[in-house]
């Protein structure tokens, strides 16, 4: 295995409705997938910075991390810049974690459109 380093891991997921339950469920799904593909434990996570598109304001996505047991992780939420024509209904995250391997970024649902470079060869990977 590689050397243990602090790495940034990116991810995003689409949310169908501006409802607290939908935001928390989707965010939880995203975080669990990031942890799975990067072989992370909660103790590996240093911090997570979440952003939401301006149309999502029914819940803080960081609450989903707390529900997963991320009690000692520094969490922060913000609103994305409202760029005209940008994809609505998206929760994004930047996680800082101790890893021995290069990060595997995770984009789920419509969020795969944000990173066509990652999913061009395997579009089914984002579903």
Protein backbone atom coordinates (compact mmCIF):
# COMPACT_ATOMS: atom_id res chain seq x y z
CA UNK A 1 0.00 0.00 0.00
CA UNK A 2 0.97 3.60 -0.38
CA UNK A 3 2.07 6.18 2.12
CA UNK A 4 -0.62 7.58 4.44
CA UNK A 5 -1.41 11.12 3.24
CA UNK A 6 -4.12 13.72 3.66
CA UNK A 7 -6.16 13.77 0.47
CA UNK A 8 -9.15 15.66 -0.85
CA UNK A 9 -12.04 13.52 -2.05
CA UNK A 10 -14.82 15.10 -4.10
CA UNK A 11 -18.36 13.98 -4.65
CA UNK A 12 -21.82 15.15 -5.58
CA UNK A 13 -25.34 13.80 -5.81
CA UNK A 14 -28.59 15.05 -7.26
CA UNK A 15 -31.61 15.61 -5.03
CA UNK A 16 -35.08 15.36 -6.57
CA UNK A 17 -37.02 17.52 -4.08
CA UNK A 18 -36.21 20.36 -1.71
CA UNK A 19 -37.33 18.34 1.29
CA UNK A 20 -35.24 17.67 4.39
CA UNK A 21 -35.69 13.91 4.13
CA UNK A 22 -34.57 13.87 0.49
CA UNK A 23 -31.50 16.03 1.14
CA UNK A 24 -30.44 13.90 4.12
CA UNK A 25 -31.11 10.56 2.39
CA UNK A 26 -29.21 11.57 -0.75
CA UNK A 27 -26.30 13.05 1.20
CA UNK A 28 -26.08 9.93 3.36
CA UNK A 29 -26.02 7.75 0.23
CA UNK A 30 -23.22 9.86 -1.24
CA UNK A 31 -21.10 9.77 1.93
CA UNK A 32 -21.51 6.01 2.34
CA UNK A 33 -20.46 5.42 -1.27
CA UNK A 34 -17.41 7.70 -0.89
CA UNK A 35 -16.39 5.82 2.26
CA UNK A 36 -16.90 2.44 0.58
CA UNK A 37 -14.97 3.09 -2.63
CA UNK A 38 -12.15 4.84 -0.75
CA UNK A 39 -12.01 2.20 2.00
CA UNK A 40 -12.43 4.83 4.73
CA UNK A 41 -13.45 4.64 8.36
CA UNK A 42 -14.97 7.57 10.25
CA UNK A 43 -11.65 7.99 12.10
CA UNK A 44 -9.90 8.65 8.73
CA UNK A 45 -12.07 11.70 8.02
CA UNK A 46 -10.67 15.10 9.02
CA UNK A 47 -13.31 17.45 7.64
CA UNK A 48 -16.12 17.77 5.11
CA UNK A 49 -17.24 20.90 3.33
CA UNK A 50 -20.70 20.67 1.77
CA UNK A 51 -22.32 22.99 -0.72
CA UNK A 52 -25.86 22.97 -2.04
CA UNK A 53 -27.37 24.68 -5.04
CA UNK A 54 -29.54 27.67 -4.07
CA UNK A 55 -32.75 25.69 -4.64
CA UNK A 56 -31.91 23.27 -1.79
CA UNK A 57 -32.50 24.92 1.58
CA UNK A 58 -34.69 22.46 3.52
CA UNK A 59 -31.81 20.88 5.49
CA UNK A 60 -28.09 21.10 6.17
CA UNK A 61 -26.34 18.18 4.42
CA UNK A 62 -23.89 18.00 7.33
CA UNK A 63 -26.73 16.56 9.41
CA UNK A 64 -26.52 13.40 7.28
CA UNK A 65 -22.86 13.03 8.28
CA UNK A 66 -23.75 13.38 11.95
CA UNK A 67 -26.41 10.69 11.51
CA UNK A 68 -23.70 8.41 10.11
CA UNK A 69 -21.72 8.90 13.31
CA UNK A 70 -19.27 11.56 12.19
CA UNK A 71 -19.15 13.10 15.68
CA UNK A 72 -15.51 14.26 15.70
CA UNK A 73 -15.38 15.47 12.08
CA UNK A 74 -15.34 19.21 11.34
CA UNK A 75 -18.32 19.93 9.07
CA UNK A 76 -19.41 23.06 7.21
CA UNK A 77 -22.17 23.92 4.74
CA UNK A 78 -22.53 26.73 2.18
CA UNK A 79 -24.52 27.67 -0.89
CA UNK A 80 -23.02 27.22 -4.35
CA UNK A 81 -22.47 30.26 -6.55
CA UNK A 82 -25.69 30.65 -8.58
CA UNK A 83 -24.07 30.49 -12.02
CA UNK A 84 -26.69 30.93 -14.78
CA UNK A 85 -27.43 27.61 -16.48
CA UNK A 86 -25.82 25.49 -13.78
CA UNK A 87 -27.29 22.15 -12.74
CA UNK A 88 -29.96 22.56 -9.99
CA UNK A 89 -30.67 20.22 -7.11
CA UNK A 90 -27.08 19.22 -6.32
CA UNK A 91 -25.28 18.53 -3.03
CA UNK A 92 -21.49 18.65 -3.35
CA UNK A 93 -18.86 17.64 -0.82
CA UNK A 94 -15.11 17.98 -0.39
CA UNK A 95 -13.80 15.56 2.22
CA UNK A 96 -10.30 15.75 3.69
CA UNK A 97 -9.18 12.32 4.88
CA UNK A 98 -6.14 10.20 5.63
CA UNK A 99 -5.72 7.76 2.71
CA UNK A 100 -3.08 5.37 1.45
CA UNK A 101 -4.36 5.40 -2.13
CA UNK A 102 -5.32 8.13 -4.59
CA UNK A 103 -8.88 9.37 -4.06
CA UNK A 104 -11.84 7.91 -5.90
CA UNK A 105 -14.28 10.76 -6.53
CA UNK A 106 -17.98 9.84 -6.53
CA UNK A 107 -20.75 11.49 -8.53
CA UNK A 108 -24.24 9.99 -8.36
CA UNK A 109 -27.47 10.58 -10.25
CA UNK A 110 -27.56 13.67 -12.46
CA UNK A 111 -24.35 14.84 -10.78
CA UNK A 112 -22.37 12.64 -13.21
CA UNK A 113 -22.94 15.49 -15.68
CA UNK A 114 -20.58 17.61 -13.57
CA UNK A 115 -17.64 15.28 -14.26
CA UNK A 116 -17.97 13.73 -17.72
CA UNK A 117 -14.22 13.08 -17.60
CA UNK A 118 -14.79 10.50 -14.84
CA UNK A 119 -17.76 8.74 -16.40
CA UNK A 120 -17.15 8.92 -20.18
CA UNK A 121 -15.96 5.29 -20.43
CA UNK A 122 -18.33 3.86 -17.80
CA UNK A 123 -21.51 5.99 -17.61
CA UNK A 124 -23.27 3.30 -15.56
CA UNK A 125 -20.80 3.93 -12.70
CA UNK A 126 -22.56 7.14 -11.76
CA UNK A 127 -25.99 5.54 -11.29
